[in-house]
Amino acid sequence: MRSILLIFCMIATAFVSSTPPAFDLQGHRGCRGLMPENTVPAFIKALELGVTTLELDVVISHDQQVVVSHEPYFNAAFSIKPDGSPVSKKEQKELVLYRMEYAEIKRYDVGSNGNPAYPEQQKLKTYKPLLSEVIEQAEAYRTAKNLPAFSYNIELKSEPSEYNKSQPEPAVFCELVQAIIRKQLTPDRVVIQSFDFAMLTQWKQQASKGNFPLVRLAALVENLRSPEKNLEELGFTPDIYSPNYRLLSADKVARLHEKGIKVIPWTVNQRDDMVQMKRWGVDGLITDYPDRALSL
């Protein structure tokens, strides 16, 4: 009898340890406050700090590679051209990644200058990686350090006015991203988020047909409309509602929870705001400074 009870306890303990974290700490662009954003060093540092989800952005190159980048161009705030000269504000939006081959994109340095908006950010020479490389490197780090499985929150950077200009339309964009996820990750470890609800609708429709991985979908929000209005526009119930944290209140969090939707605000960088969000009952938060969110 004691042997049976011991086995049962061991199984129960293993089950509990493999369940998702009660509070999802997401490193924004890896950990933008500490390392060059959306780069492999930033993601490794975020994992070192103990995040449960890596948050990142993706765009598409001319040769249809999925590139990890917030802007669809080289940001003059921190980008350096292959010849060593800085990218100017005048030319930054001419350096559109959708018109460049990835081999050329990789030659640009996006870390040596640092980012003046984030004085704690370490300066180091690095580049915009492919989504496939980020997953490969992060998984290698997880294996080497024997870390529990973490998630990837992948934002599809999209604006309808930019279709076929700095990005492909939703069908092509989503197809390119899903192919990588299907090859490298299990769906339960992935969130797809976007401000462009057409992206989320496309993914939802294809997943329901069995064409795409059945990942969690997150509605990113930065407008002043109520959650109910935004959900009406979306047309389906997402797994996650992810607004600017300044748009939240305890009441809104409660209303979303009543609908079975998790609430994960962005970008929460001050400790006092983190504590307040936690008090309101959010399910996690996205931050540039994962180190400030420890022990919440």
Protein backbone atom coordinates (compact mmCIF):
# COMPACT_ATOMS: atom_id res chain seq x y z
CA MET A 1 0.00 0.00 0.00
CA ARG A 2 2.83 2.39 0.91
CA SER A 3 4.56 1.61 -2.39
CA ILE A 4 1.42 2.45 -4.35
CA LEU A 5 1.00 5.71 -2.41
CA LEU A 6 4.64 6.66 -3.03
CA ILE A 7 4.28 6.07 -6.77
CA PHE A 8 1.10 8.15 -6.84
CA CYS A 9 2.83 11.06 -5.08
CA MET A 10 5.76 10.92 -7.49
CA ILE A 11 3.41 11.03 -10.48
CA ALA A 12 1.44 13.92 -8.95
CA THR A 13 4.61 15.89 -8.28
CA ALA A 14 5.83 15.37 -11.85
CA PHE A 15 2.47 16.56 -13.18
CA VAL A 16 2.48 19.73 -11.10
CA SER A 17 6.05 20.62 -12.10
CA SER A 18 5.20 20.37 -15.80
CA THR A 19 2.13 22.63 -15.70
CA PRO A 20 2.37 26.19 -17.09
CA PRO A 21 3.51 28.88 -14.65
CA ALA A 22 0.83 30.64 -12.65
CA PHE A 23 2.30 34.00 -13.70
CA ASP A 24 3.79 34.41 -17.16
CA LEU A 25 6.84 36.69 -17.14
CA GLN A 26 7.61 37.68 -20.73
CA GLY A 27 10.88 39.27 -21.82
CA HIS A 28 10.02 42.04 -24.30
CA ARG A 29 12.17 41.69 -27.43
CA GLY A 30 14.25 39.41 -25.21
CA CYS A 31 15.20 42.02 -22.60
CA ARG A 32 15.48 45.34 -24.45
CA GLY A 33 16.41 47.26 -21.34
CA LEU A 34 19.52 45.14 -20.84
CA MET A 35 20.65 43.79 -24.24
CA PRO A 36 20.22 44.76 -27.93
CA GLU A 37 16.58 44.10 -28.74
CA ASN A 38 15.39 41.08 -30.70
CA THR A 39 18.84 39.51 -30.86
CA VAL A 40 20.09 36.11 -29.75
CA PRO A 41 22.09 37.61 -26.84
CA ALA A 42 18.92 39.32 -25.58
CA PHE A 43 16.93 36.10 -25.63
CA ILE A 44 19.65 34.11 -23.88
CA LYS A 45 19.94 36.80 -21.20
CA ALA A 46 16.18 36.75 -20.70
CA LEU A 47 16.26 33.00 -20.17
CA GLU A 48 19.15 33.43 -17.76
CA LEU A 49 16.98 35.83 -15.77
CA GLY A 50 14.16 33.29 -15.58
CA VAL A 51 11.47 34.47 -18.00
CA THR A 52 8.74 31.99 -18.82
CA THR A 53 8.13 33.40 -22.31
CA LEU A 54 10.36 35.02 -24.92
CA GLU A 55 8.46 37.85 -26.62
CA LEU A 56 9.71 38.80 -30.09
CA ASP A 57 8.70 40.44 -33.36
CA VAL A 58 8.99 39.11 -36.89
CA VAL A 59 8.99 40.63 -40.37
CA ILE A 60 9.64 39.15 -43.82
CA SER A 61 12.68 39.66 -46.06
CA HIS A 62 12.71 39.86 -49.86
CA ASP A 63 13.74 36.21 -50.08
CA GLN A 64 10.83 35.27 -47.78
CA GLN A 65 12.87 34.62 -44.67
CA VAL A 66 11.23 35.22 -41.28
CA VAL A 67 13.47 37.85 -39.66
CA VAL A 68 13.29 38.84 -36.00
CA SER A 69 12.87 42.62 -36.02
CA HIS A 70 10.45 45.16 -34.58
CA GLU A 71 10.56 47.56 -37.52
CA PRO A 72 10.41 46.47 -41.17
CA TYR A 73 13.48 48.69 -41.71
CA PHE A 74 16.78 49.52 -39.98
CA ASN A 75 16.12 51.84 -37.05
CA ALA A 76 18.48 54.83 -37.06
CA ALA A 77 18.52 54.87 -33.24
CA PHE A 78 20.94 51.95 -33.17
CA SER A 79 21.67 50.48 -36.63
CA ILE A 80 25.09 50.53 -38.32
CA LYS A 81 25.60 49.87 -42.04
CA PRO A 82 28.06 47.23 -43.30
CA ASP A 83 30.60 49.97 -44.08
CA GLY A 84 30.60 51.03 -40.42
CA SER A 85 28.64 54.24 -40.83
CA PRO A 86 25.43 54.81 -38.83
CA VAL A 87 22.03 54.58 -40.47
CA SER A 88 20.57 58.09 -40.60
CA LYS A 89 16.95 59.01 -39.93
CA LYS A 90 16.70 60.23 -43.50
CA GLU A 91 17.63 56.84 -44.95
CA GLN A 92 16.23 54.42 -42.35
CA LYS A 93 12.88 53.87 -44.01
CA GLU A 94 14.54 53.32 -47.37
CA LEU A 95 16.30 50.29 -45.89
CA VAL A 96 13.17 48.16 -46.00
CA LEU A 97 13.83 44.54 -45.03
CA TYR A 98 11.07 43.32 -47.36
CA ARG A 99 13.19 44.63 -50.25
CA MET A 100 16.46 43.14 -48.97
CA GLU A 101 17.89 39.61 -49.08
CA TYR A 102 18.60 38.17 -45.65
CA ALA A 103 22.31 37.78 -46.44
CA GLU A 104 22.47 41.58 -46.75
CA ILE A 105 20.31 42.19 -43.67
CA LYS A 106 22.65 40.10 -41.54
CA ARG A 107 25.59 42.38 -42.39
CA TYR A 108 24.10 45.28 -40.42
CA ASP A 109 25.16 45.76 -36.80
CA VAL A 110 22.25 46.49 -34.45
CA GLY A 111 24.04 46.32 -31.11
CA SER A 112 27.34 48.20 -31.00
CA ASN A 113 25.74 51.65 -30.69
CA GLY A 114 23.42 50.62 -27.91
CA ASN A 115 20.08 52.40 -27.61
CA PRO A 116 20.07 55.86 -26.00
CA ALA A 117 16.54 55.25 -24.70
CA TYR A 118 17.84 52.31 -22.65
CA PRO A 119 21.07 53.38 -20.91
CA GLU A 120 21.43 50.03 -19.11
CA GLN A 121 21.55 48.18 -22.42
CA GLN A 122 24.87 46.43 -23.05
CA LYS A 123 26.65 47.43 -26.25
CA LEU A 124 27.85 44.55 -28.39
CA LYS A 125 28.13 43.76 -32.08
CA THR A 126 25.22 41.63 -33.21
CA TYR A 127 22.65 41.30 -36.00
CA LYS A 128 18.99 40.64 -36.75
CA PRO A 129 18.58 36.84 -36.59
CA LEU A 130 16.13 34.56 -38.32
CA LEU A 131 13.26 33.16 -36.26
CA SER A 132 14.61 29.67 -36.92
CA GLU A 133 18.00 30.65 -35.47
CA VAL A 134 16.46 32.17 -32.35
CA ILE A 135 14.54 28.97 -31.68
CA GLU A 136 17.59 26.83 -32.35
CA GLN A 137 19.83 28.86 -30.03
CA ALA A 138 17.24 29.19 -27.28
CA GLU A 139 16.50 25.47 -27.33
CA ALA A 140 20.21 24.65 -27.22
CA TYR A 141 20.53 26.91 -24.16
CA ARG A 142 17.50 25.27 -22.53
CA THR A 143 19.04 21.83 -23.03
CA ALA A 144 22.48 22.89 -21.80
CA LYS A 145 21.05 24.49 -18.65
CA ASN A 146 18.34 21.87 -18.12
CA LEU A 147 15.63 24.55 -18.06
CA PRO A 148 11.90 23.82 -18.06
CA ALA A 149 10.05 24.39 -21.31
CA PHE A 150 9.31 28.07 -21.93
CA SER A 151 7.05 29.69 -24.51
CA TYR A 152 7.59 31.90 -27.54
CA ASN A 153 5.28 34.89 -28.01
CA ILE A 154 5.73 35.81 -31.67
CA GLU A 155 4.31 39.13 -32.83
CA LEU A 156 3.50 39.38 -36.52
CA LYS A 157 4.44 43.01 -37.25
CA SER A 158 1.75 44.10 -39.63
CA GLU A 159 -0.17 47.16 -40.79
CA PRO A 160 -2.84 46.86 -43.49
CA SER A 161 -1.55 50.02 -45.17
CA GLU A 162 1.83 48.28 -45.64
CA TYR A 163 0.59 45.12 -47.37
CA ASN A 164 2.84 44.43 -50.39
CA LYS A 165 5.00 47.44 -49.48
CA SER A 166 7.03 46.52 -46.41
CA GLN A 167 5.35 43.16 -45.80
CA PRO A 168 3.31 40.47 -47.50
CA GLU A 169 -0.43 40.09 -47.03
CA PRO A 170 -1.72 37.95 -44.11
CA ALA A 171 -2.01 34.66 -46.01
CA VAL A 172 1.64 34.67 -47.10
CA PHE A 173 2.97 36.13 -43.84
CA CYS A 174 1.19 33.55 -41.69
CA GLU A 175 2.16 30.67 -43.98
CA LEU A 176 5.87 31.50 -43.70
CA VAL A 177 5.73 31.71 -39.89
CA GLN A 178 3.65 28.59 -39.37
CA ALA A 179 6.07 26.51 -41.44
CA ILE A 180 8.87 27.32 -39.00
CA ILE A 181 6.75 26.65 -35.92
CA ARG A 182 5.54 23.34 -37.32
CA LYS A 183 9.14 22.26 -37.94
CA GLN A 184 10.76 23.42 -34.69
CA LEU A 185 8.20 23.69 -31.88
CA THR A 186 5.14 22.06 -30.40
CA PRO A 187 2.03 24.28 -30.66
CA ASP A 188 1.47 24.43 -26.89
CA ARG A 189 4.68 26.46 -26.54
CA VAL A 190 3.68 29.19 -29.00
CA VAL A 191 1.61 32.37 -28.88
CA ILE A 192 0.92 34.35 -32.04
CA GLN A 193 0.05 37.97 -31.39
CA SER A 194 -0.65 40.99 -33.57
CA PHE A 195 -2.22 44.44 -33.59
CA ASP A 196 -3.48 43.56 -37.07
CA PHE A 197 -6.56 41.46 -36.38
CA ALA A 198 -6.53 40.20 -39.98
CA MET A 199 -3.41 38.21 -39.07
CA LEU A 200 -5.13 36.58 -36.12
CA THR A 201 -8.24 35.82 -38.18
CA GLN A 202 -6.14 34.22 -40.90
CA TRP A 203 -4.34 32.03 -38.37
CA LYS A 204 -7.60 31.08 -36.63
CA GLN A 205 -9.25 30.06 -39.90
CA GLN A 206 -6.31 27.97 -41.11
CA ALA A 207 -5.84 26.31 -37.72
CA SER A 208 -9.52 25.33 -37.64
CA LYS A 209 -8.98 23.60 -40.99
CA GLY A 210 -5.94 21.75 -39.67
CA ASN A 211 -3.54 23.67 -41.92
CA PHE A 212 -1.78 25.62 -39.16
CA PRO A 213 -0.58 24.64 -35.67
CA LEU A 214 -3.23 25.19 -33.00
CA VAL A 215 -1.31 27.83 -31.02
CA ARG A 216 -2.61 30.40 -28.54
CA LEU A 217 -3.72 33.66 -30.15
CA ALA A 218 -3.25 37.06 -28.50
CA ALA A 219 -4.98 40.31 -29.45
CA LEU A 220 -2.60 43.24 -29.05
CA VAL A 221 -4.38 46.50 -28.23
CA GLU A 222 -3.31 50.14 -27.94
CA ASN A 223 -6.60 51.96 -28.64
CA LEU A 224 -9.05 53.49 -26.16
CA ARG A 225 -12.00 51.27 -27.08
CA SER A 226 -13.40 48.91 -24.47
CA PRO A 227 -12.28 45.27 -24.44
CA GLU A 228 -15.78 44.32 -25.57
CA LYS A 229 -15.55 46.58 -28.65
CA ASN A 230 -12.15 45.21 -29.59
CA LEU A 231 -13.31 41.63 -29.18
CA GLU A 232 -16.35 42.39 -31.35
CA GLU A 233 -14.03 43.70 -34.06
CA LEU A 234 -11.82 40.63 -33.77
CA GLY A 235 -14.80 38.35 -34.28
CA PHE A 236 -13.73 35.48 -32.01
CA THR A 237 -12.55 34.92 -28.45
CA PRO A 238 -8.76 34.99 -28.27
CA ASP A 239 -6.75 33.11 -25.69
CA ILE A 240 -5.06 36.31 -24.52
CA TYR A 241 -5.95 40.00 -24.46
CA SER A 242 -2.75 42.04 -24.42
CA PRO A 243 -3.24 45.81 -24.03
CA ASN A 244 -0.95 48.66 -23.11
CA TYR A 245 -0.89 48.40 -19.32
CA ARG A 246 -2.12 52.00 -18.98
CA LEU A 247 -5.43 50.94 -20.54
CA LEU A 248 -6.16 48.39 -17.83
CA SER A 249 -8.15 48.45 -14.61
CA ALA A 250 -9.12 45.81 -12.09
CA ASP A 251 -12.64 45.83 -13.53
CA LYS A 252 -11.45 45.24 -17.10
CA VAL A 253 -9.26 42.36 -15.98
CA ALA A 254 -12.22 40.80 -14.17
CA ARG A 255 -14.52 41.24 -17.20
CA LEU A 256 -12.00 39.54 -19.49
CA HIS A 257 -11.48 36.70 -17.04
CA GLU A 258 -15.25 36.14 -17.00
CA LYS A 259 -14.97 35.44 -20.73
CA GLY A 260 -12.17 32.94 -20.14
CA ILE A 261 -9.52 35.25 -21.62
CA LYS A 262 -6.10 35.70 -20.04
CA VAL A 263 -4.77 39.25 -19.64
CA ILE A 264 -1.09 40.00 -20.28
CA PRO A 265 -0.29 43.74 -20.56
CA TRP A 266 2.71 45.46 -22.17
CA THR A 267 5.26 47.05 -21.69
CA VAL A 268 5.48 47.19 -17.88
CA ASN A 269 8.90 48.47 -16.85
CA GLN A 270 8.49 50.08 -13.43
CA ARG A 271 8.32 47.89 -10.35
CA ASP A 272 5.36 49.78 -8.84
CA ASP A 273 3.34 49.25 -12.02
CA MET A 274 4.27 45.56 -12.03
CA VAL A 275 3.01 45.20 -8.47
CA GLN A 276 -0.25 46.96 -9.33
CA MET A 277 -0.83 44.77 -12.39
CA LYS A 278 -0.27 41.69 -10.26
CA ARG A 279 -2.69 43.03 -7.65
CA TRP A 280 -5.33 43.48 -10.34
CA GLY A 281 -5.00 39.82 -11.25
CA VAL A 282 -3.26 39.89 -14.63
CA ASP A 283 -1.97 36.52 -15.82
CA GLY A 284 1.49 37.82 -16.70
CA LEU A 285 3.24 40.86 -18.08
CA ILE A 286 5.64 41.86 -20.84
CA THR A 287 8.67 43.88 -19.75
CA ASP A 288 11.97 45.24 -21.07
CA TYR A 289 13.46 44.54 -17.63
CA PRO A 290 12.76 40.97 -16.51
CA ASP A 291 15.21 41.48 -13.64
CA ARG A 292 12.84 44.06 -12.11
CA ALA A 293 9.96 41.58 -12.15
CA LEU A 294 11.68 38.86 -10.20
CA SER A 295 9.96 37.76 -6.97
CA LEU A 296 6.67 39.44 -7.90
